[in-house]
Structures are given as C-alpha cells and as structure tokens.
Protein backbone atom coordinates (compact mmCIF):
# COMPACT_ATOMS: atom_id res chain seq x y z
CA MET A 1 -30.57 -10.56 266.12
CA LYS A 2 -32.95 -12.93 267.34
CA VAL A 3 -31.72 -16.74 266.63
CA ILE A 4 -34.16 -19.75 266.92
CA ILE A 5 -32.41 -23.16 267.33
CA ALA A 6 -34.32 -26.27 266.38
CA GLY A 7 -32.82 -29.00 268.68
CA GLY A 8 -31.40 -29.09 272.30
CA SER A 9 -28.78 -31.74 271.84
CA ILE A 10 -24.85 -31.00 271.80
CA ALA A 11 -24.82 -28.91 268.45
CA GLY A 12 -27.55 -26.77 269.47
CA LEU A 13 -26.27 -26.08 272.60
CA ALA A 14 -22.90 -25.21 271.37
CA ALA A 15 -24.47 -22.91 268.78
CA ALA A 16 -26.37 -21.26 271.43
CA LEU A 17 -23.34 -20.78 273.69
CA THR A 18 -21.38 -19.00 271.10
CA LEU A 19 -24.21 -16.80 269.45
CA ASP A 20 -25.45 -16.12 273.25
CA CYS A 21 -21.67 -14.67 273.89
CA THR A 22 -21.79 -12.48 270.97
CA GLY A 23 -24.61 -10.92 271.87
CA HIS A 24 -27.48 -12.32 270.04
CA ASP A 25 -31.02 -13.03 271.51
CA VAL A 26 -31.03 -17.16 271.43
CA GLU A 27 -33.52 -19.50 272.01
CA ILE A 28 -33.44 -23.14 271.70
CA TYR A 29 -36.78 -25.24 271.04
CA GLU A 30 -36.58 -28.91 272.25
CA ARG A 31 -39.20 -31.26 271.54
CA SER A 32 -38.70 -33.47 274.46
CA ALA A 33 -40.49 -32.37 277.75
CA THR A 34 -37.47 -32.55 279.73
CA PRO A 35 -33.70 -32.00 279.98
CA LEU A 36 -32.21 -35.14 278.03
CA ARG A 37 -30.61 -38.07 280.00
CA GLY A 38 -29.05 -41.17 278.98
CA GLN A 39 -29.44 -40.30 275.05
CA GLY A 40 -26.25 -41.86 274.26
CA GLY A 41 -22.81 -43.72 275.16
CA GLY A 42 -19.10 -42.62 274.77
CA VAL A 43 -17.64 -40.07 273.08
CA ALA A 44 -14.33 -39.03 272.31
CA VAL A 45 -13.42 -35.48 273.72
CA LEU A 46 -10.72 -34.21 271.01
CA ARG A 47 -9.14 -30.90 271.60
CA ARG A 48 -11.34 -28.84 269.55
CA MET A 49 -14.13 -29.78 272.07
CA MET A 50 -12.08 -29.37 275.07
CA ALA A 51 -11.21 -26.00 274.29
CA PHE A 52 -14.72 -25.39 273.85
CA LEU A 53 -15.99 -26.67 277.22
CA GLU A 54 -13.15 -24.88 278.90
CA GLN A 55 -13.79 -21.69 277.32
CA HIS A 56 -17.66 -21.62 277.92
CA GLY A 57 -18.16 -24.39 280.92
CA HIS A 58 -14.82 -24.00 282.77
CA HIS A 59 -14.91 -27.73 282.94
CA SER A 60 -11.20 -29.52 282.48
CA ARG A 61 -10.52 -32.83 280.74
CA ALA A 62 -9.72 -34.32 284.02
CA MET A 63 -13.36 -33.72 285.26
CA ILE A 64 -15.15 -35.16 282.32
CA SER A 65 -13.18 -37.78 281.02
CA VAL A 66 -11.54 -41.34 281.65
CA PRO A 67 -7.87 -41.51 280.27
CA THR A 68 -7.16 -44.10 277.56
CA ARG A 69 -3.61 -44.96 278.09
CA ARG A 70 -3.37 -48.30 275.47
CA ARG A 71 -4.50 -49.11 272.44
CA ARG A 72 -4.97 -53.08 272.55
CA TRP A 73 -5.89 -56.06 270.24
CA ILE A 74 -7.17 -59.35 271.49
CA ASP A 75 -7.86 -62.42 269.53
CA ARG A 76 -10.95 -64.75 269.87
CA ASP A 77 -9.34 -66.32 272.88
CA GLY A 78 -8.65 -62.97 274.57
CA ALA A 79 -4.69 -63.46 273.95
CA LEU A 80 -2.83 -60.08 273.28
CA THR A 81 -2.06 -59.60 269.29
CA ARG A 82 -1.05 -55.87 269.44
CA ASP A 83 -0.48 -53.26 272.13
CA GLU A 84 0.49 -49.86 271.41
CA PRO A 85 0.11 -46.38 273.35
CA GLU A 86 -2.99 -44.20 272.78
CA MET A 87 -3.66 -40.94 274.68
CA LEU A 88 -7.53 -40.91 274.16
CA PRO A 89 -9.95 -38.87 276.77
CA PHE A 90 -13.16 -40.51 276.37
CA SER A 91 -16.06 -39.05 278.24
CA SER A 92 -19.83 -39.70 277.52
CA TRP A 93 -22.55 -38.04 275.97
CA ASP A 94 -24.28 -37.14 279.32
CA ALA A 95 -20.99 -35.51 280.49
CA VAL A 96 -20.35 -33.23 277.50
CA TYR A 97 -24.38 -32.61 277.28
CA HIS A 98 -24.68 -31.38 281.14
CA SER A 99 -21.18 -29.38 280.85
CA LEU A 100 -22.86 -27.16 278.11
CA CYS A 101 -26.37 -27.04 279.78
CA SER A 102 -25.07 -25.86 282.86
CA THR A 103 -23.43 -22.67 281.32
CA LEU A 104 -26.21 -21.93 279.43
CA PRO A 105 -29.31 -19.81 281.24
CA HIS A 106 -32.08 -22.19 281.86
CA GLU A 107 -34.61 -19.58 280.26
CA ARG A 108 -33.01 -19.90 276.87
CA ILE A 109 -34.49 -23.79 276.73
CA ARG A 110 -38.18 -24.35 275.67
CA TYR A 111 -38.89 -28.20 276.28
CA GLY A 112 -41.57 -29.75 274.83
CA GLN A 113 -41.68 -27.52 271.68
CA THR A 114 -41.41 -28.89 268.11
CA ILE A 115 -40.60 -26.48 265.17
CA THR A 116 -42.97 -27.80 262.45
CA GLY A 117 -41.97 -25.36 259.67
CA PHE A 118 -41.20 -22.04 258.39
CA ASN A 119 -41.85 -19.22 256.27
CA GLN A 120 -38.84 -16.85 254.68
CA ASP A 121 -39.21 -13.32 253.44
CA ALA A 122 -36.77 -10.53 252.78
CA ASP A 123 -37.08 -9.08 256.55
CA GLY A 124 -37.18 -12.20 258.54
CA ILE A 125 -38.53 -16.10 259.00
CA ASP A 126 -41.57 -17.01 260.77
CA ILE A 127 -40.97 -20.22 262.77
CA HIS A 128 -43.99 -22.37 263.30
CA VAL A 129 -44.29 -24.19 266.62
CA GLY A 130 -47.41 -25.80 266.96
CA LYS A 131 -50.00 -23.67 266.18
CA CYS A 132 -48.11 -20.63 266.94
CA ALA A 133 -45.50 -18.57 265.12
CA VAL A 134 -42.41 -16.94 266.15
CA ARG A 135 -40.66 -14.07 264.23
CA ALA A 136 -37.00 -14.32 263.96
CA ASP A 137 -34.12 -13.43 261.82
CA VAL A 138 -32.52 -16.84 261.52
CA LEU A 139 -33.38 -20.41 262.31
CA ILE A 140 -30.87 -22.83 263.13
CA ALA A 141 -31.36 -26.68 262.64
CA ALA A 142 -29.68 -28.83 264.99
CA ASP A 143 -32.12 -31.60 264.98
CA GLY A 144 -30.13 -34.79 263.94
CA THR A 145 -29.14 -36.96 261.14
CA GLY A 146 -32.88 -37.52 260.38
CA SER A 147 -33.50 -33.84 260.54
CA THR A 148 -36.79 -32.65 259.38
CA LEU A 149 -35.84 -29.38 258.72
CA ARG A 150 -33.53 -30.67 256.11
CA THR A 151 -35.89 -32.66 254.71
CA ARG A 152 -38.23 -29.41 254.40
CA LEU A 153 -35.22 -27.43 252.66
CA PHE A 154 -33.93 -30.35 250.30
CA PRO A 155 -36.89 -32.81 249.99
CA GLY A 156 -35.02 -34.82 247.35
CA TYR A 157 -31.90 -35.36 249.68
CA ALA A 158 -31.61 -38.26 252.33
CA PRO A 159 -28.56 -39.75 254.21
CA SER A 160 -27.27 -42.85 252.57
CA PHE A 161 -26.76 -46.48 254.75
CA ALA A 162 -23.28 -47.52 255.12
CA GLY A 163 -23.71 -50.95 255.12
CA TYR A 164 -23.28 -51.74 258.98
CA ILE A 165 -24.75 -51.33 262.48
CA ALA A 166 -23.40 -50.72 265.88
CA TRP A 167 -24.78 -52.57 268.63
CA ARG A 168 -23.99 -50.65 271.59
CA GLY A 169 -24.19 -50.57 275.61
CA ILE A 170 -23.06 -49.12 278.67
CA VAL A 171 -22.57 -51.16 282.27
CA ASP A 172 -21.18 -50.12 285.70
CA GLU A 173 -17.85 -51.05 286.44
CA ALA A 174 -18.94 -51.77 289.83
CA ASP A 175 -20.65 -54.76 288.30
CA PHE A 176 -17.59 -56.89 287.78
CA ASP A 177 -15.09 -58.23 289.95
CA ALA A 178 -12.06 -56.43 289.77
CA GLU A 179 -10.01 -58.96 288.20
CA ALA A 180 -12.58 -59.92 285.34
CA ILE A 181 -12.26 -56.42 284.09
CA ALA A 182 -8.29 -55.41 284.68
CA VAL A 183 -7.26 -55.84 281.35
CA LEU A 184 -10.08 -53.58 280.16
CA VAL A 185 -9.62 -50.65 282.64
CA GLU A 186 -8.23 -47.46 281.10
CA ASN A 187 -7.49 -49.22 278.02
CA MET A 188 -9.14 -49.01 274.58
CA THR A 189 -9.80 -53.09 273.69
CA LEU A 190 -10.68 -54.21 270.62
CA HIS A 191 -11.20 -57.37 268.70
CA LYS A 192 -11.78 -57.62 264.86
CA ALA A 193 -13.43 -60.72 263.09
CA PRO A 194 -14.67 -60.89 259.08
CA GLY A 195 -17.13 -58.18 258.87
CA GLU A 196 -17.03 -57.36 262.41
CA LEU A 197 -15.42 -54.95 264.85
CA PHE A 198 -15.81 -54.64 269.12
CA MET A 199 -14.51 -52.06 270.79
CA ALA A 200 -14.98 -51.17 274.63
CA PHE A 201 -13.34 -48.26 277.20
CA LEU A 202 -14.30 -46.79 280.25
CA ILE A 203 -16.74 -43.39 280.41
CA PRO A 204 -17.88 -41.37 283.22
CA ALA A 205 -20.43 -42.34 285.63
CA LEU A 206 -24.23 -40.88 284.80
CA ASP A 207 -23.45 -38.31 287.66
CA GLY A 208 -20.09 -37.47 285.87
CA SER A 209 -17.83 -39.32 288.25
CA VAL A 210 -14.58 -40.45 287.26
CA ALA A 211 -13.48 -42.24 290.35
CA PRO A 212 -11.99 -45.89 289.98
CA GLY A 213 -15.07 -48.31 290.33
CA SER A 214 -17.68 -45.69 289.93
CA ARG A 215 -17.04 -44.98 286.42
CA ARG A 216 -18.84 -47.26 283.25
CA PHE A 217 -17.87 -49.45 280.52
CA ASN A 218 -19.30 -48.11 276.81
CA TRP A 219 -18.81 -51.02 274.00
CA LEU A 220 -19.84 -51.02 270.18
CA TRP A 221 -20.04 -53.73 268.05
CA TYR A 222 -19.94 -53.19 264.58
CA ARG A 223 -21.24 -56.05 262.06
CA ASN A 224 -22.18 -55.45 258.48
CA GLU A 225 -25.55 -55.63 257.40
CA THR A 226 -26.58 -56.24 253.78
CA ASP A 227 -30.11 -57.26 253.79
CA THR A 228 -32.83 -54.71 253.87
CA GLU A 229 -35.20 -57.37 256.05
CA ALA A 230 -32.44 -57.64 258.23
CA LEU A 231 -31.70 -53.87 258.64
CA ARG A 232 -35.31 -53.85 259.29
CA ARG A 233 -35.86 -56.00 262.10
CA HIS A 234 -32.91 -54.48 263.85
CA LEU A 235 -34.55 -51.60 263.55
CA THR A 236 -38.10 -52.44 264.77
CA ASP A 237 -38.27 -52.00 268.59
CA ARG A 238 -40.18 -53.84 271.24
CA ALA A 239 -43.32 -52.06 270.42
CA GLY A 240 -43.27 -52.90 266.69
CA THR A 241 -42.23 -49.76 265.28
CA VAL A 242 -39.61 -49.16 262.84
CA HIS A 243 -37.22 -46.46 263.17
CA HIS A 244 -35.03 -44.74 260.53
CA ALA A 245 -31.84 -44.75 262.01
CA SER A 246 -31.72 -45.78 265.67
CA ILE A 247 -33.11 -47.55 268.71
CA HIS A 248 -32.59 -45.96 272.22
CA ALA A 249 -31.69 -48.27 275.35
CA GLY A 250 -34.63 -50.02 276.64
CA GLN A 251 -36.61 -49.92 273.38
CA LEU A 252 -35.00 -52.86 271.61
CA SER A 253 -37.05 -56.08 271.02
CA ASP A 254 -36.80 -59.21 273.12
CA ARG A 255 -35.74 -60.91 270.13
CA SER A 256 -33.13 -58.19 269.01
CA VAL A 257 -31.72 -58.84 272.77
CA SER A 258 -31.87 -62.34 272.46
CA THR A 259 -30.00 -62.61 269.22
CA LEU A 260 -27.30 -59.83 270.41
CA ARG A 261 -26.67 -62.13 273.73
CA GLN A 262 -26.66 -65.26 271.95
CA LEU A 263 -24.47 -63.89 269.34
CA ALA A 264 -22.12 -62.73 271.92
CA SER A 265 -21.57 -65.85 273.76
CA GLU A 266 -20.40 -67.44 270.35
CA ARG A 267 -18.55 -65.17 268.73
CA LEU A 268 -16.74 -62.55 271.23
CA PRO A 269 -13.76 -63.17 273.44
CA ALA A 270 -15.01 -63.79 277.00
CA VAL A 271 -13.91 -60.57 278.72
CA PHE A 272 -15.90 -58.70 276.06
CA ALA A 273 -19.05 -61.08 276.14
CA GLN A 274 -19.22 -60.48 279.79
CA LEU A 275 -19.86 -56.84 279.22
CA VAL A 276 -22.72 -57.83 276.72
CA LEU A 277 -24.29 -60.28 278.64
CA ALA A 278 -24.40 -57.59 281.28
CA THR A 279 -25.60 -54.83 279.97
CA ARG A 280 -29.31 -54.33 280.87
CA ALA A 281 -30.36 -51.82 278.15
CA PRO A 282 -28.18 -52.11 274.94
CA PHE A 283 -29.47 -50.23 271.90
CA VAL A 284 -28.50 -50.14 268.19
CA GLN A 285 -27.42 -47.66 265.50
CA ALA A 286 -27.59 -47.98 261.65
CA ILE A 287 -24.35 -46.02 260.42
CA PHE A 288 -25.25 -43.35 257.73
CA ASP A 289 -23.48 -40.56 255.80
CA ALA A 290 -24.90 -37.72 255.53
CA LEU A 291 -23.70 -34.56 253.89
CA SER A 292 -26.54 -31.82 253.03
CA PRO A 293 -26.35 -30.15 249.94
CA ASP A 294 -26.34 -26.70 251.60
CA PHE A 295 -25.39 -25.81 255.06
CA ALA A 296 -27.51 -22.85 254.65
CA GLN A 297 -30.38 -21.52 252.42
CA GLY A 298 -31.80 -17.92 252.77
CA ARG A 299 -32.18 -17.54 256.80
CA VAL A 300 -31.94 -21.43 257.91
CA ALA A 301 -28.75 -22.85 258.71
CA LEU A 302 -27.76 -26.37 259.26
CA VAL A 303 -24.97 -27.41 262.31
CA GLY A 304 -24.10 -30.80 263.79
CA ASP A 305 -25.62 -33.87 262.29
CA ALA A 306 -28.27 -32.42 260.52
CA ALA A 307 -25.70 -30.34 258.22
CA CYS A 308 -22.93 -33.66 258.11
CA THR A 309 -23.22 -37.03 259.84
CA VAL A 310 -19.44 -38.21 260.21
CA ARG A 311 -18.79 -42.07 260.88
CA PRO A 312 -18.20 -42.68 264.40
CA HIS A 313 -14.67 -44.10 263.88
CA THR A 314 -13.30 -40.78 263.15
CA ALA A 315 -14.27 -39.92 266.77
CA SER A 316 -15.04 -36.12 265.84
CA GLY A 317 -18.78 -35.86 266.29
CA THR A 318 -18.41 -33.34 269.20
CA SER A 319 -15.46 -31.59 267.97
CA LYS A 320 -17.09 -30.95 264.57
CA ALA A 321 -20.28 -29.51 266.44
CA ALA A 322 -18.04 -27.13 268.34
CA ALA A 323 -16.31 -26.16 265.04
CA ASP A 324 -19.70 -25.74 263.34
CA ALA A 325 -20.92 -23.47 266.53
CA VAL A 326 -17.41 -21.56 266.64
CA SER A 327 -17.60 -20.30 262.64
CA LEU A 328 -20.92 -19.94 262.45
CA ALA A 329 -20.59 -17.00 265.81
CA GLN A 330 -17.96 -15.70 263.75
CA ALA A 331 -19.92 -15.38 260.57
CA LEU A 332 -22.94 -13.90 262.25
CA ALA A 333 -21.77 -10.43 263.62
CA PRO A 334 -24.46 -9.04 265.85
CA ASP A 335 -25.24 -6.01 263.75
CA ALA A 336 -24.75 -7.70 260.48
CA THR A 337 -27.43 -6.40 257.97
CA ASP A 338 -26.62 -9.05 255.25
CA VAL A 339 -27.64 -12.14 257.11
CA VAL A 340 -28.66 -14.22 253.90
CA GLN A 341 -25.02 -13.27 252.09
CA ARG A 342 -22.91 -14.19 255.16
CA LEU A 343 -24.99 -17.77 255.90
CA ALA A 344 -24.31 -18.55 251.85
CA ASP A 345 -20.77 -17.67 252.49
CA TRP A 346 -20.36 -19.45 256.11
CA SER A 347 -22.14 -22.71 254.38
CA ALA A 348 -19.69 -22.96 251.58
CA GLN A 349 -16.61 -22.51 253.65
CA ARG A 350 -17.75 -24.95 256.53
CA ARG A 351 -18.86 -27.51 253.81
CA ALA A 352 -15.86 -27.71 252.13
CA GLU A 353 -13.84 -28.03 255.67
CA VAL A 354 -15.60 -31.18 256.66
CA THR A 355 -15.70 -32.89 253.30
CA SER A 356 -12.25 -34.49 254.03
CA LEU A 357 -13.35 -35.34 257.27
CA LEU A 358 -16.77 -37.20 255.98
CA GLU A 359 -14.16 -39.18 253.61
CA LYS A 360 -12.22 -40.48 256.28
CA GLY A 361 -15.21 -42.38 257.71
CA PRO A 362 -15.42 -44.80 255.03
CA GLN A 363 -11.67 -45.03 254.89
CA LEU A 364 -11.27 -46.24 258.25
CA ALA A 365 -14.19 -48.43 257.86
CA ALA A 366 -12.52 -50.18 255.19
CA SER A 367 -9.69 -50.86 256.76
CA PHE A 368 -11.86 -52.68 259.60
CA GLY A 369 -13.33 -54.40 257.10
CA LEU A 370 -16.69 -52.66 257.68
CA GLY A 371 -19.41 -51.29 254.98
CA SER A 372 -20.87 -52.75 251.68
CA PRO A 373 -23.76 -52.35 249.46
CA LEU A 374 -27.26 -52.77 250.55
CA ARG A 375 -29.23 -55.06 249.12
CA GLY A 376 -33.10 -56.22 248.88
CA PRO A 377 -34.43 -59.89 248.76
CA GLU A 378 -34.37 -60.00 245.10
CA GLN A 379 -30.63 -59.59 245.24
CA ALA A 380 -30.14 -61.74 248.28
C-alpha cells in the first residue's frame, strides 16, 4: 500500500521503518526544511524502544545512552536525604532521532512539506500538500501533541492542561569543574519542594558521544502553574508570539530567562542552580494530557503524541512510539483489502492498551505534588 506519514519526528520515523520493512511504499512529509536537530532534551530509552533500535538500526544501549546507577534525593542545602539503586539508561532526543533517521532511506523523507488536509473515499485518500494532492491508501498523523490532523478529524477535542510547566535545559559536562558536578555524574539527582520538582541526569553529546567529559547534563524543573495569565507569559516567546504548549531552545523571552535564573538562585540547591545559570538556551513546555477520541478514522491513523500524550514522568514516550509503530505494521498486512476495518480494530485495541499508561502519569505527578486546576483571573 501507499502510506503517507505527516511528521518526521520519532513517532513518524518509527512508523515508517516498520511499514517499510513489511513491504509498504512509505513517504514522510516533514514541515521542517531540514533534518531536525536539537529539538528535545533527554529521554529514557526503555526496553521496548531499545529492542526497536537494535532490530532496525543496530544501535546498542551502550552506543546511545548514559547509564544511571543511583537515584539520589537532596535537600535545599544539597544534603543527601535518600539514595537507592536506579539502573535507567538515559539518551537524548537527538540520539534516538538520528538512530532512526540513519536506517531509513533518505528519499523516503520529503522536507519542507506540510500536509494541510485530506479527502477520503471508498478506494483511497487524497492528501493535500500545498496546492498539490497525493493519492494514497493510508495517511498516518504523527504531527505531535498539537496535531492539526487530529483537530481536523475531531474538531471538538483539545488536550487538557495538567496544571504545571517544565522549565528545561541542556548544558555541557565540560563547562564545569569535575569536582563541582561529581555528585551528579551517572546519577539521577532530584530535589522536591512544595509544588516543584527538579531533576538532572547525563545524556549523550549532540554528536552522540557518551565519553566522560563530552556528555551533557539534562535538567527539568517542574513547577505548578495555576494562573492563565502567568501561563500565557511563560508561553510567549522573544518575538511576542504565544505558543500552545512549548517554546524551543533559544526562543524564550528575556523576561522569562531572567525570572528562571533568579528563581534558580533563590530556590535550588547550589549544585542544581549552577546547571541552570550555565544553560545558554533554556526552554519551556506546558504539561498536557491528550487521548484522541479514536486512533483511526477511515483511512487516517494517529500515532505518537498525536494519538496519546503521556506525562514525562512515565519515561515512556519513545517506547510508546515504538509500540504504536510495531502494532500498526502488524495490523496492516501489505495485501490487505479491508484497510478501514483493520485500522478501526487496531485503534480500539491500541487505545485500550495506552489508557493505563495515561492514568499512571497523573498518579506520579500527584505523588510529587504536581498538578492542579487552571484558574482564570476572575478565580484568582
């Protein structure tokens, strides 16, 4: 079958690889004019995604991840309050992305192409790309949490804000004296305060290196945010544009960066504050929950965050993308004639499978004291 995928990030690439392997004619349409780079921070590479990478890209855990050996909690003064074993491999969005990208033939990805709409009929689907139309058997929406294709399918549905944001940043290990960061190396280190959670861990370098001294620290600072006006300020970039859910590195307003650095100096343990203050391009994301009413409608299927966005605490975003891709490829046999029914069956099964994962995120957030209802100025 001819399969078109909207979105060339991790979920789109994973779907392309599995469908290509099973004999389909696959093309990705990615709105970015060039291959993506530096679009995200650290990610946990759980067993399902690692198995996927090793099957499709021949990348081992040691090649793309930094081991975490301990989970350590510290107080405001930096004193250790809890210490326990934690064997969790952390990679980076870039490392996983390039591992997937390198195994897919380059001609499968069309950069600088945005899918703007589609029309279905009994025999196929016409996909609109600019002023042109491409005929296909299946369209896969892998265009993220704010999916425009999901909005077209289900115009009354919108993701729900979870009541907190995450300030995030990446900073080179080499920017610090070894002694200043010794307690953070190969540990997942956390600090909790009322309505806040800070964590830091090592991830590979931008070029994928995991050699000591060349790696990077990834940090996240979750903070409750219950005021609509404050949320709007967080999501307003340096050009004055208000974003739906996140602002990429380098685009935060000067006011936001100044606020972040001031709060870090005032509220964080010194070993964490140094990471924030040394970060050249911090970024921010508002935490949302999304569960599409269906994962398929007719000949259109949704995967990755477009189908279901889980909280980052579950550390399962990449593994869920891999599972979406594998299950979809299993559902779509190359010689299938009942495509719509197969997608409907896949949607029902896959949606049921991820519901427990979606529920786990708020439970973990609540255990950290994160998440609360959003209020407007009239409720403040």
